[in-house]
Amino acid sequence: MPLLTVNNLKVERGGISVLEIPLFSLNEGETLAILGPNGAGKTTFLLTLARLLGYIQGKLLFKGEDISLPERTVPYRRRLAMVFQEPLLWLVQACSLNHLLMFWFNLQD
């Protein structure tokens, strides 16, 4: 049984189809590289797999279980991580030092 399976995935942004994946599977222990030019949909695909971006059609299965259901999404997301190229750049650019300190101390509560 594949670790991760995607069937007929379709993602839209602003009513425009930006990603269509008819079939994808990843078996346990496999290593995979996702390559393509800018705008090919690599990040969209990874964000969708991480359930950080919604999709309008298709099924995502983790170990055979549909992870689109809310009660299955949280346990699935706790088992994966996504590292962004520049993870805090947007936060640093958009906030003053006071905002960053308030954000940090709120996390500590």
C-alpha atoms as a PDB file:
ATOM      1  CA  MET A   1       0.000   0.000   0.000  1.00  0.00           C
ATOM      2  CA  PRO A   2       1.408   3.436  -0.915  1.00  0.00           C
ATOM      3  CA  LEU A   3       2.219   5.855   1.880  1.00  0.00           C
ATOM      4  CA  LEU A   4       0.653   8.769  -0.012  1.00  0.00           C
ATOM      5  CA  THR A   5      -1.763   8.629  -2.944  1.00  0.00           C
ATOM      6  CA  VAL A   6      -3.308  11.454  -4.959  1.00  0.00           C
ATOM      7  CA  ASN A   7      -6.195  10.800  -7.360  1.00  0.00           C
ATOM      8  CA  ASN A   8      -7.655  13.355  -9.790  1.00  0.00           C
ATOM      9  CA  LEU A   9      -6.386  16.383  -7.866  1.00  0.00           C
ATOM     10  CA  LYS A  10      -7.451  19.789  -9.149  1.00  0.00           C
ATOM     11  CA  VAL A  11      -6.489  23.113  -7.571  1.00  0.00           C
ATOM     12  CA  GLU A  12      -7.929  26.461  -8.620  1.00  0.00           C
ATOM     13  CA  ARG A  13      -6.921  29.995  -7.696  1.00  0.00           C
ATOM     14  CA  GLY A  14      -9.267  32.813  -8.571  1.00  0.00           C
ATOM     15  CA  GLY A  15     -11.416  30.436 -10.622  1.00  0.00           C
ATOM     16  CA  ILE A  16      -8.478  29.405 -12.813  1.00  0.00           C
ATOM     17  CA  SER A  17      -7.166  25.861 -12.786  1.00  0.00           C
ATOM     18  CA  VAL A  18      -3.517  26.020 -11.684  1.00  0.00           C
ATOM     19  CA  LEU A  19      -2.803  22.350 -11.014  1.00  0.00           C
ATOM     20  CA  GLU A  20      -4.162  19.031 -12.209  1.00  0.00           C
ATOM     21  CA  ILE A  21      -2.603  15.744 -11.055  1.00  0.00           C
ATOM     22  CA  PRO A  22      -4.412  12.648 -12.396  1.00  0.00           C
ATOM     23  CA  LEU A  23      -2.445  10.131 -10.288  1.00  0.00           C
ATOM     24  CA  PHE A  24       0.485  10.275  -7.890  1.00  0.00           C
ATOM     25  CA  SER A  25       1.741   7.806  -5.319  1.00  0.00           C
ATOM     26  CA  LEU A  26       4.686   7.636  -2.978  1.00  0.00           C
ATOM     27  CA  ASN A  27       5.708   4.423  -1.263  1.00  0.00           C
ATOM     28  CA  GLU A  28       7.297   4.239   2.150  1.00  0.00           C
ATOM     29  CA  GLY A  29      11.067   4.574   1.928  1.00  0.00           C
ATOM     30  CA  GLU A  30      11.028   6.189  -1.520  1.00  0.00           C
ATOM     31  CA  THR A  31      12.877   9.416  -2.198  1.00  0.00           C
ATOM     32  CA  LEU A  32      11.280  11.839  -4.621  1.00  0.00           C
ATOM     33  CA  ALA A  33      12.403  15.067  -6.268  1.00  0.00           C
ATOM     34  CA  ILE A  34       9.832  17.455  -7.718  1.00  0.00           C
ATOM     35  CA  LEU A  35      11.427  19.449 -10.521  1.00  0.00           C
ATOM     36  CA  GLY A  36      10.108  22.003 -12.977  1.00  0.00           C
ATOM     37  CA  PRO A  37      10.356  25.572 -14.183  1.00  0.00           C
ATOM     38  CA  ASN A  38       8.951  28.574 -12.303  1.00  0.00           C
ATOM     39  CA  GLY A  39       5.170  28.491 -12.313  1.00  0.00           C
ATOM     40  CA  ALA A  40       4.921  24.763 -13.025  1.00  0.00           C
ATOM     41  CA  GLY A  41       2.988  24.097  -9.802  1.00  0.00           C
ATOM     42  CA  LYS A  42       5.651  22.543  -7.557  1.00  0.00           C
ATOM     43  CA  THR A  43       4.881  24.732  -4.539  1.00  0.00           C
ATOM     44  CA  THR A  44       1.127  24.500  -5.131  1.00  0.00           C
ATOM     45  CA  PHE A  45       1.407  20.717  -5.178  1.00  0.00           C
ATOM     46  CA  LEU A  46       3.464  20.600  -1.967  1.00  0.00           C
ATOM     47  CA  LEU A  47       1.169  23.076  -0.175  1.00  0.00           C
ATOM     48  CA  THR A  48      -1.811  20.965  -1.201  1.00  0.00           C
ATOM     49  CA  LEU A  49      -0.140  17.753  -0.012  1.00  0.00           C
ATOM     50  CA  ALA A  50       0.579  19.474   3.316  1.00  0.00           C
ATOM     51  CA  ARG A  51      -3.119  20.505   3.476  1.00  0.00           C
ATOM     52  CA  LEU A  52      -2.085  24.159   3.672  1.00  0.00           C
ATOM     53  CA  LEU A  53      -3.898  24.906   0.408  1.00  0.00           C
ATOM     54  CA  GLY A  54      -7.362  23.708  -0.506  1.00  0.00           C
ATOM     55  CA  TYR A  55      -8.369  21.836  -3.630  1.00  0.00           C
ATOM     56  CA  ILE A  56     -11.664  21.611  -5.489  1.00  0.00           C
ATOM     57  CA  GLN A  57     -11.487  18.027  -6.721  1.00  0.00           C
ATOM     58  CA  GLY A  58      -9.711  14.787  -5.971  1.00  0.00           C
ATOM     59  CA  LYS A  59      -8.679  12.558  -3.124  1.00  0.00           C
ATOM     60  CA  LEU A  60      -5.616  12.601  -0.901  1.00  0.00           C
ATOM     61  CA  LEU A  61      -4.939   9.320   0.852  1.00  0.00           C
ATOM     62  CA  PHE A  62      -2.375   8.735   3.581  1.00  0.00           C
ATOM     63  CA  LYS A  63      -1.833   5.027   4.231  1.00  0.00           C
ATOM     64  CA  GLY A  64      -5.145   4.405   2.481  1.00  0.00           C
ATOM     65  CA  GLU A  65      -7.167   6.843   4.607  1.00  0.00           C
ATOM     66  CA  ASP A  66      -8.847   9.906   3.108  1.00  0.00           C
ATOM     67  CA  ILE A  67      -7.216  12.911   4.782  1.00  0.00           C
ATOM     68  CA  SER A  68      -9.661  15.490   3.469  1.00  0.00           C
ATOM     69  CA  LEU A  69     -11.915  14.931   6.476  1.00  0.00           C
ATOM     70  CA  PRO A  70     -11.198  17.426   9.295  1.00  0.00           C
ATOM     71  CA  GLU A  71     -10.764  14.716  11.935  1.00  0.00           C
ATOM     72  CA  ARG A  72      -8.047  13.074   9.803  1.00  0.00           C
ATOM     73  CA  THR A  73      -6.314  16.240   8.596  1.00  0.00           C
ATOM     74  CA  VAL A  74      -4.840  17.239  11.967  1.00  0.00           C
ATOM     75  CA  PRO A  75      -3.211  13.852  12.768  1.00  0.00           C
ATOM     76  CA  TYR A  76      -1.844  13.744   9.202  1.00  0.00           C
ATOM     77  CA  ARG A  77      -0.365  17.252   9.428  1.00  0.00           C
ATOM     78  CA  ARG A  78       1.328  16.364  12.708  1.00  0.00           C
ATOM     79  CA  ARG A  79       3.313  13.691  10.853  1.00  0.00           C
ATOM     80  CA  LEU A  80       4.865  15.968   8.235  1.00  0.00           C
ATOM     81  CA  ALA A  81       6.855  19.137   7.916  1.00  0.00           C
ATOM     82  CA  MET A  82       7.380  21.645   5.154  1.00  0.00           C
ATOM     83  CA  VAL A  83      10.415  23.903   5.193  1.00  0.00           C
ATOM     84  CA  PHE A  84      10.067  27.065   3.157  1.00  0.00           C
ATOM     85  CA  GLN A  85      13.018  28.635   1.394  1.00  0.00           C
ATOM     86  CA  GLU A  86      12.627  31.893   3.349  1.00  0.00           C
ATOM     87  CA  PRO A  87      10.400  30.953   6.307  1.00  0.00           C
ATOM     88  CA  LEU A  88      10.314  34.201   8.303  1.00  0.00           C
ATOM     89  CA  LEU A  89      11.194  36.778   5.684  1.00  0.00           C
ATOM     90  CA  TRP A  90       7.580  37.942   5.310  1.00  0.00           C
ATOM     91  CA  LEU A  91       7.250  38.296   9.087  1.00  0.00           C
ATOM     92  CA  VAL A  92      10.428  40.325   9.489  1.00  0.00           C
ATOM     93  CA  GLN A  93       9.576  42.645   6.601  1.00  0.00           C
ATOM     94  CA  ALA A  94       5.994  43.254   7.718  1.00  0.00           C
ATOM     95  CA  CYS A  95       6.527  43.764  11.447  1.00  0.00           C
ATOM     96  CA  SER A  96       8.374  46.110  13.698  1.00  0.00           C
ATOM     97  CA  LEU A  97      10.588  44.795  16.487  1.00  0.00           C
ATOM     98  CA  ASN A  98       7.763  45.445  18.991  1.00  0.00           C
ATOM     99  CA  HIS A  99       5.386  43.290  16.965  1.00  0.00           C
ATOM    100  CA  LEU A 100       7.940  40.491  16.751  1.00  0.00           C
ATOM    101  CA  LEU A 101       8.516  40.591  20.513  1.00  0.00           C
ATOM    102  CA  MET A 102       4.765  40.541  21.191  1.00  0.00           C
ATOM    103  CA  PHE A 103       4.423  37.577  18.802  1.00  0.00           C
ATOM    104  CA  TRP A 104       7.265  35.734  20.562  1.00  0.00           C
ATOM    105  CA  PHE A 105       5.911  36.317  24.067  1.00  0.00           C
ATOM    106  CA  ASN A 106       2.400  35.252  23.034  1.00  0.00           C
ATOM    107  CA  LEU A 107       3.871  31.934  21.858  1.00  0.00           C
ATOM    108  CA  GLN A 108       5.406  31.417  25.292  1.00  0.00           C
ATOM    109  CA  ASP A 109       2.038  31.584  27.126  1.00  0.00           C
END
